[in-house]
Amino acid sequence: MNWKLTATAIGLSLLTVTGVARAEGELNIYNWGNYTSPDLIKKFEETYKVKVTVTDFDSNDTALAKIRQGGAGFDIVVPSASVVPIWISEGLLLETDPN
């Protein structure tokens, strides 16, 4: 499994503790730049009747710094798998229930 797929899988199961958006009908994603397919987002929005906003970052350090400062209301964050233990140890993530 490549690192981007791993990061996506982990990111989809993690929520940030700081600034959780919780706006009904909206989903705010913080992901690697030029990584999220606009066609996939459009299909997701149409299927689930939700507005998706994607904010890009260029490095794990950039993402971590923004979330440490209180984030910006992100529902899903997609860091690299290698840095997830840091996010966990700092209490920056919420556990999700996929059921």
N, C-alpha and C. Protein backbone atom coordinates (compact mmCIF):
# COMPACT_ATOMS: atom_id res chain seq x y z
N MET A 1 0.86 -1.17 0.00
CA MET A 1 0.00 0.00 0.00
C MET A 1 0.91 1.23 0.00
N ASN A 2 0.66 2.17 -0.90
CA ASN A 2 1.52 3.34 -0.95
C ASN A 2 1.20 4.32 0.18
N TRP A 3 2.11 5.25 0.41
CA TRP A 3 1.98 6.15 1.56
C TRP A 3 0.76 7.06 1.45
N LYS A 4 0.39 7.49 0.25
CA LYS A 4 -0.77 8.37 0.12
C LYS A 4 -2.06 7.63 0.45
N LEU A 5 -2.15 6.39 0.01
CA LEU A 5 -3.33 5.60 0.32
C LEU A 5 -3.42 5.34 1.81
N THR A 6 -2.28 5.05 2.42
CA THR A 6 -2.23 4.85 3.87
C THR A 6 -2.65 6.11 4.60
N ALA A 7 -2.11 7.24 4.17
CA ALA A 7 -2.45 8.52 4.80
C ALA A 7 -3.93 8.82 4.68
N THR A 8 -4.49 8.53 3.52
CA THR A 8 -5.92 8.77 3.32
C THR A 8 -6.76 7.89 4.23
N ALA A 9 -6.40 6.63 4.30
CA ALA A 9 -7.15 5.70 5.16
C ALA A 9 -7.11 6.15 6.61
N ILE A 10 -5.93 6.55 7.07
CA ILE A 10 -5.80 7.02 8.45
C ILE A 10 -6.56 8.33 8.62
N GLY A 11 -6.39 9.23 7.68
CA GLY A 11 -7.05 10.52 7.77
C GLY A 11 -8.55 10.42 7.81
N LEU A 12 -9.11 9.49 7.07
CA LEU A 12 -10.56 9.34 7.06
C LEU A 12 -11.10 8.79 8.36
N SER A 13 -10.21 8.24 9.18
CA SER A 13 -10.67 7.70 10.46
C SER A 13 -10.33 8.62 11.63
N LEU A 14 -9.75 9.78 11.35
CA LEU A 14 -9.32 10.68 12.41
C LEU A 14 -10.02 12.03 12.32
N LEU A 15 -10.33 12.57 13.44
CA LEU A 15 -10.89 13.91 13.52
C LEU A 15 -9.99 14.74 14.41
N THR A 16 -9.86 16.00 14.11
CA THR A 16 -9.07 16.86 14.98
C THR A 16 -9.88 17.26 16.19
N VAL A 17 -9.20 17.39 17.32
CA VAL A 17 -9.84 17.80 18.56
C VAL A 17 -10.15 19.29 18.52
N THR A 18 -9.23 20.07 18.01
CA THR A 18 -9.38 21.51 18.04
C THR A 18 -10.23 22.01 16.89
N GLY A 19 -11.22 22.77 17.22
CA GLY A 19 -12.01 23.43 16.20
C GLY A 19 -12.83 22.51 15.31
N VAL A 20 -13.38 21.46 15.84
CA VAL A 20 -14.21 20.58 15.03
C VAL A 20 -15.38 21.38 14.47
N ALA A 21 -15.59 21.28 13.19
CA ALA A 21 -16.59 22.12 12.53
C ALA A 21 -18.01 21.77 12.94
N ARG A 22 -18.40 20.53 12.85
CA ARG A 22 -19.72 20.05 13.23
C ARG A 22 -20.88 20.80 12.57
N ALA A 23 -20.64 21.42 11.47
CA ALA A 23 -21.72 22.10 10.76
C ALA A 23 -22.45 21.08 9.91
N GLU A 24 -23.73 20.94 10.17
CA GLU A 24 -24.51 19.96 9.42
C GLU A 24 -24.55 20.36 7.95
N GLY A 25 -24.32 19.38 7.09
CA GLY A 25 -24.33 19.65 5.67
C GLY A 25 -23.01 20.15 5.13
N GLU A 26 -22.00 20.20 5.97
CA GLU A 26 -20.67 20.65 5.54
C GLU A 26 -19.61 19.69 6.04
N LEU A 27 -18.55 19.53 5.25
CA LEU A 27 -17.42 18.70 5.62
C LEU A 27 -16.16 19.45 5.26
N ASN A 28 -15.32 19.73 6.26
CA ASN A 28 -14.09 20.48 6.05
C ASN A 28 -12.90 19.54 6.17
N ILE A 29 -12.16 19.40 5.06
CA ILE A 29 -11.04 18.47 4.99
C ILE A 29 -9.74 19.25 4.86
N TYR A 30 -8.73 18.82 5.62
CA TYR A 30 -7.39 19.39 5.56
C TYR A 30 -6.49 18.30 5.00
N ASN A 31 -5.98 18.50 3.76
CA ASN A 31 -5.29 17.44 3.04
C ASN A 31 -4.08 17.98 2.29
N TRP A 32 -3.26 17.08 1.83
CA TRP A 32 -2.10 17.44 1.02
C TRP A 32 -2.54 18.19 -0.23
N GLY A 33 -1.77 19.21 -0.63
CA GLY A 33 -2.09 19.99 -1.82
C GLY A 33 -2.16 19.14 -3.07
N ASN A 34 -3.13 19.45 -3.91
CA ASN A 34 -3.33 18.76 -5.19
C ASN A 34 -3.49 17.25 -5.03
N TYR A 35 -4.03 16.82 -3.92
CA TYR A 35 -4.18 15.40 -3.65
C TYR A 35 -5.63 14.94 -3.79
N THR A 36 -6.56 15.82 -3.51
CA THR A 36 -7.97 15.46 -3.51
C THR A 36 -8.56 15.71 -4.89
N SER A 37 -9.16 14.69 -5.46
CA SER A 37 -9.75 14.78 -6.79
C SER A 37 -11.01 15.64 -6.78
N PRO A 38 -11.04 16.71 -7.56
CA PRO A 38 -12.26 17.54 -7.64
C PRO A 38 -13.48 16.73 -8.10
N ASP A 39 -13.26 15.77 -9.00
CA ASP A 39 -14.38 14.93 -9.46
C ASP A 39 -14.93 14.08 -8.34
N LEU A 40 -14.04 13.55 -7.50
CA LEU A 40 -14.47 12.74 -6.37
C LEU A 40 -15.25 13.59 -5.36
N ILE A 41 -14.77 14.80 -5.11
CA ILE A 41 -15.46 15.71 -4.19
C ILE A 41 -16.87 16.01 -4.72
N LYS A 42 -16.96 16.32 -6.00
CA LYS A 42 -18.26 16.64 -6.61
C LYS A 42 -19.22 15.45 -6.47
N LYS A 43 -18.73 14.26 -6.76
CA LYS A 43 -19.56 13.06 -6.66
C LYS A 43 -20.01 12.83 -5.21
N PHE A 44 -19.10 13.04 -4.26
CA PHE A 44 -19.42 12.88 -2.84
C PHE A 44 -20.50 13.88 -2.43
N GLU A 45 -20.32 15.14 -2.85
CA GLU A 45 -21.30 16.18 -2.52
C GLU A 45 -22.69 15.84 -3.06
N GLU A 46 -22.74 15.37 -4.29
CA GLU A 46 -24.02 15.02 -4.90
C GLU A 46 -24.67 13.81 -4.23
N THR A 47 -23.85 12.82 -3.90
CA THR A 47 -24.36 11.59 -3.30
C THR A 47 -24.88 11.83 -1.89
N TYR A 48 -24.13 12.60 -1.09
CA TYR A 48 -24.46 12.76 0.33
C TYR A 48 -25.07 14.11 0.67
N LYS A 49 -25.32 14.94 -0.33
CA LYS A 49 -25.95 16.25 -0.12
C LYS A 49 -25.22 17.05 0.96
N VAL A 50 -23.91 17.16 0.78
CA VAL A 50 -23.07 17.88 1.73
C VAL A 50 -22.09 18.75 0.94
N LYS A 51 -21.76 19.90 1.49
CA LYS A 51 -20.77 20.79 0.89
C LYS A 51 -19.40 20.44 1.45
N VAL A 52 -18.46 20.12 0.57
CA VAL A 52 -17.10 19.76 0.99
C VAL A 52 -16.16 20.91 0.68
N THR A 53 -15.40 21.31 1.70
CA THR A 53 -14.37 22.32 1.53
C THR A 53 -13.03 21.67 1.84
N VAL A 54 -12.10 21.75 0.88
CA VAL A 54 -10.78 21.16 1.07
C VAL A 54 -9.76 22.29 1.21
N THR A 55 -9.00 22.25 2.28
CA THR A 55 -7.89 23.18 2.49
C THR A 55 -6.61 22.37 2.38
N ASP A 56 -5.69 22.85 1.57
CA ASP A 56 -4.45 22.12 1.32
C ASP A 56 -3.32 22.54 2.25
N PHE A 57 -2.42 21.59 2.52
CA PHE A 57 -1.16 21.91 3.19
C PHE A 57 -0.02 21.29 2.40
N ASP A 58 1.21 21.78 2.64
CA ASP A 58 2.35 21.33 1.85
C ASP A 58 3.33 20.45 2.60
N SER A 59 3.15 20.29 3.90
CA SER A 59 4.04 19.42 4.67
C SER A 59 3.35 19.01 5.97
N ASN A 60 3.84 17.93 6.55
CA ASN A 60 3.31 17.51 7.84
C ASN A 60 3.56 18.57 8.90
N ASP A 61 4.70 19.25 8.81
CA ASP A 61 5.01 20.31 9.78
C ASP A 61 4.00 21.45 9.69
N THR A 62 3.64 21.83 8.48
CA THR A 62 2.64 22.89 8.28
C THR A 62 1.30 22.48 8.88
N ALA A 63 0.88 21.26 8.59
CA ALA A 63 -0.41 20.77 9.10
C ALA A 63 -0.41 20.73 10.62
N LEU A 64 0.65 20.18 11.19
CA LEU A 64 0.74 20.06 12.65
C LEU A 64 0.73 21.43 13.31
N ALA A 65 1.48 22.37 12.76
CA ALA A 65 1.53 23.72 13.33
C ALA A 65 0.14 24.37 13.33
N LYS A 66 -0.59 24.22 12.24
CA LYS A 66 -1.92 24.83 12.15
C LYS A 66 -2.88 24.21 13.17
N ILE A 67 -2.84 22.90 13.30
CA ILE A 67 -3.74 22.23 14.24
C ILE A 67 -3.34 22.55 15.68
N ARG A 68 -2.05 22.62 15.95
CA ARG A 68 -1.58 22.99 17.30
C ARG A 68 -2.09 24.37 17.69
N GLN A 69 -2.24 25.26 16.72
CA GLN A 69 -2.69 26.63 16.99
C GLN A 69 -4.21 26.74 17.07
N GLY A 70 -4.88 25.63 17.02
CA GLY A 70 -6.33 25.66 17.14
C GLY A 70 -7.06 25.27 15.88
N GLY A 71 -6.31 24.92 14.85
CA GLY A 71 -6.95 24.46 13.61
C GLY A 71 -7.83 25.52 13.01
N ALA A 72 -8.71 25.11 12.17
CA ALA A 72 -9.64 26.04 11.53
C ALA A 72 -10.97 25.35 11.27
N GLY A 73 -11.39 24.54 12.22
CA GLY A 73 -12.67 23.86 12.08
C GLY A 73 -12.66 22.69 11.12
N PHE A 74 -11.57 21.95 11.08
CA PHE A 74 -11.49 20.80 10.18
C PHE A 74 -12.18 19.59 10.79
N ASP A 75 -12.90 18.87 9.95
CA ASP A 75 -13.54 17.63 10.35
C ASP A 75 -12.61 16.44 10.13
N ILE A 76 -11.89 16.47 9.02
CA ILE A 76 -10.97 15.39 8.66
C ILE A 76 -9.62 15.99 8.31
N VAL A 77 -8.57 15.37 8.83
CA VAL A 77 -7.20 15.77 8.52
C VAL A 77 -6.48 14.55 7.99
N VAL A 78 -5.63 14.73 6.97
CA VAL A 78 -4.95 13.61 6.34
C VAL A 78 -3.43 13.78 6.44
N PRO A 79 -2.86 13.56 7.63
CA PRO A 79 -1.40 13.61 7.75
C PRO A 79 -0.80 12.29 7.27
N SER A 80 0.50 12.27 7.10
CA SER A 80 1.19 11.02 6.77
C SER A 80 1.13 10.08 7.96
N ALA A 81 1.08 8.79 7.66
CA ALA A 81 1.01 7.77 8.71
C ALA A 81 2.17 7.88 9.69
N SER A 82 3.32 8.30 9.20
CA SER A 82 4.51 8.37 10.05
C SER A 82 4.41 9.41 11.16
N VAL A 83 3.54 10.40 11.02
CA VAL A 83 3.42 11.44 12.04
C VAL A 83 2.17 11.29 12.91
N VAL A 84 1.32 10.35 12.59
CA VAL A 84 0.10 10.15 13.38
C VAL A 84 0.40 9.92 14.86
N PRO A 85 1.45 9.15 15.22
CA PRO A 85 1.75 8.98 16.65
C PRO A 85 2.00 10.31 17.38
N ILE A 86 2.57 11.28 16.70
CA ILE A 86 2.79 12.61 17.30
C ILE A 86 1.44 13.26 17.58
N TRP A 87 0.55 13.22 16.61
CA TRP A 87 -0.78 13.81 16.76
C TRP A 87 -1.52 13.15 17.91
N ILE A 88 -1.40 11.83 18.01
CA ILE A 88 -2.07 11.10 19.08
C ILE A 88 -1.49 11.48 20.43
N SER A 89 -0.15 11.49 20.54
CA SER A 89 0.49 11.79 21.83
C SER A 89 0.20 13.20 22.30
N GLU A 90 -0.06 14.11 21.38
CA GLU A 90 -0.39 15.50 21.75
C GLU A 90 -1.89 15.70 21.95
N GLY A 91 -2.66 14.64 21.81
CA GLY A 91 -4.10 14.75 22.04
C GLY A 91 -4.83 15.58 21.00
N LEU A 92 -4.35 15.57 19.78
CA LEU A 92 -4.93 16.40 18.73
C LEU A 92 -6.01 15.71 17.91
N LEU A 93 -6.29 14.45 18.22
CA LEU A 93 -7.25 13.69 17.42
C LEU A 93 -8.38 13.13 18.26
N LEU A 94 -9.51 12.97 17.64
CA LEU A 94 -10.65 12.30 18.26
C LEU A 94 -10.82 10.94 17.60
N GLU A 95 -11.18 9.96 18.39
CA GLU A 95 -11.47 8.64 17.84
C GLU A 95 -12.83 8.67 17.16
N THR A 96 -12.95 7.93 16.09
CA THR A 96 -14.23 7.85 15.39
C THR A 96 -14.77 6.43 15.45
N ASP A 97 -16.06 6.32 15.24
CA ASP A 97 -16.71 5.02 15.18
C ASP A 97 -17.20 4.83 13.75
N PRO A 98 -16.56 3.95 12.99
CA PRO A 98 -16.93 3.79 11.59
C PRO A 98 -18.30 3.14 11.38
N ASN A 99 -18.92 2.68 12.44
CA ASN A 99 -20.23 2.03 12.30
C ASN A 99 -21.31 3.03 12.32
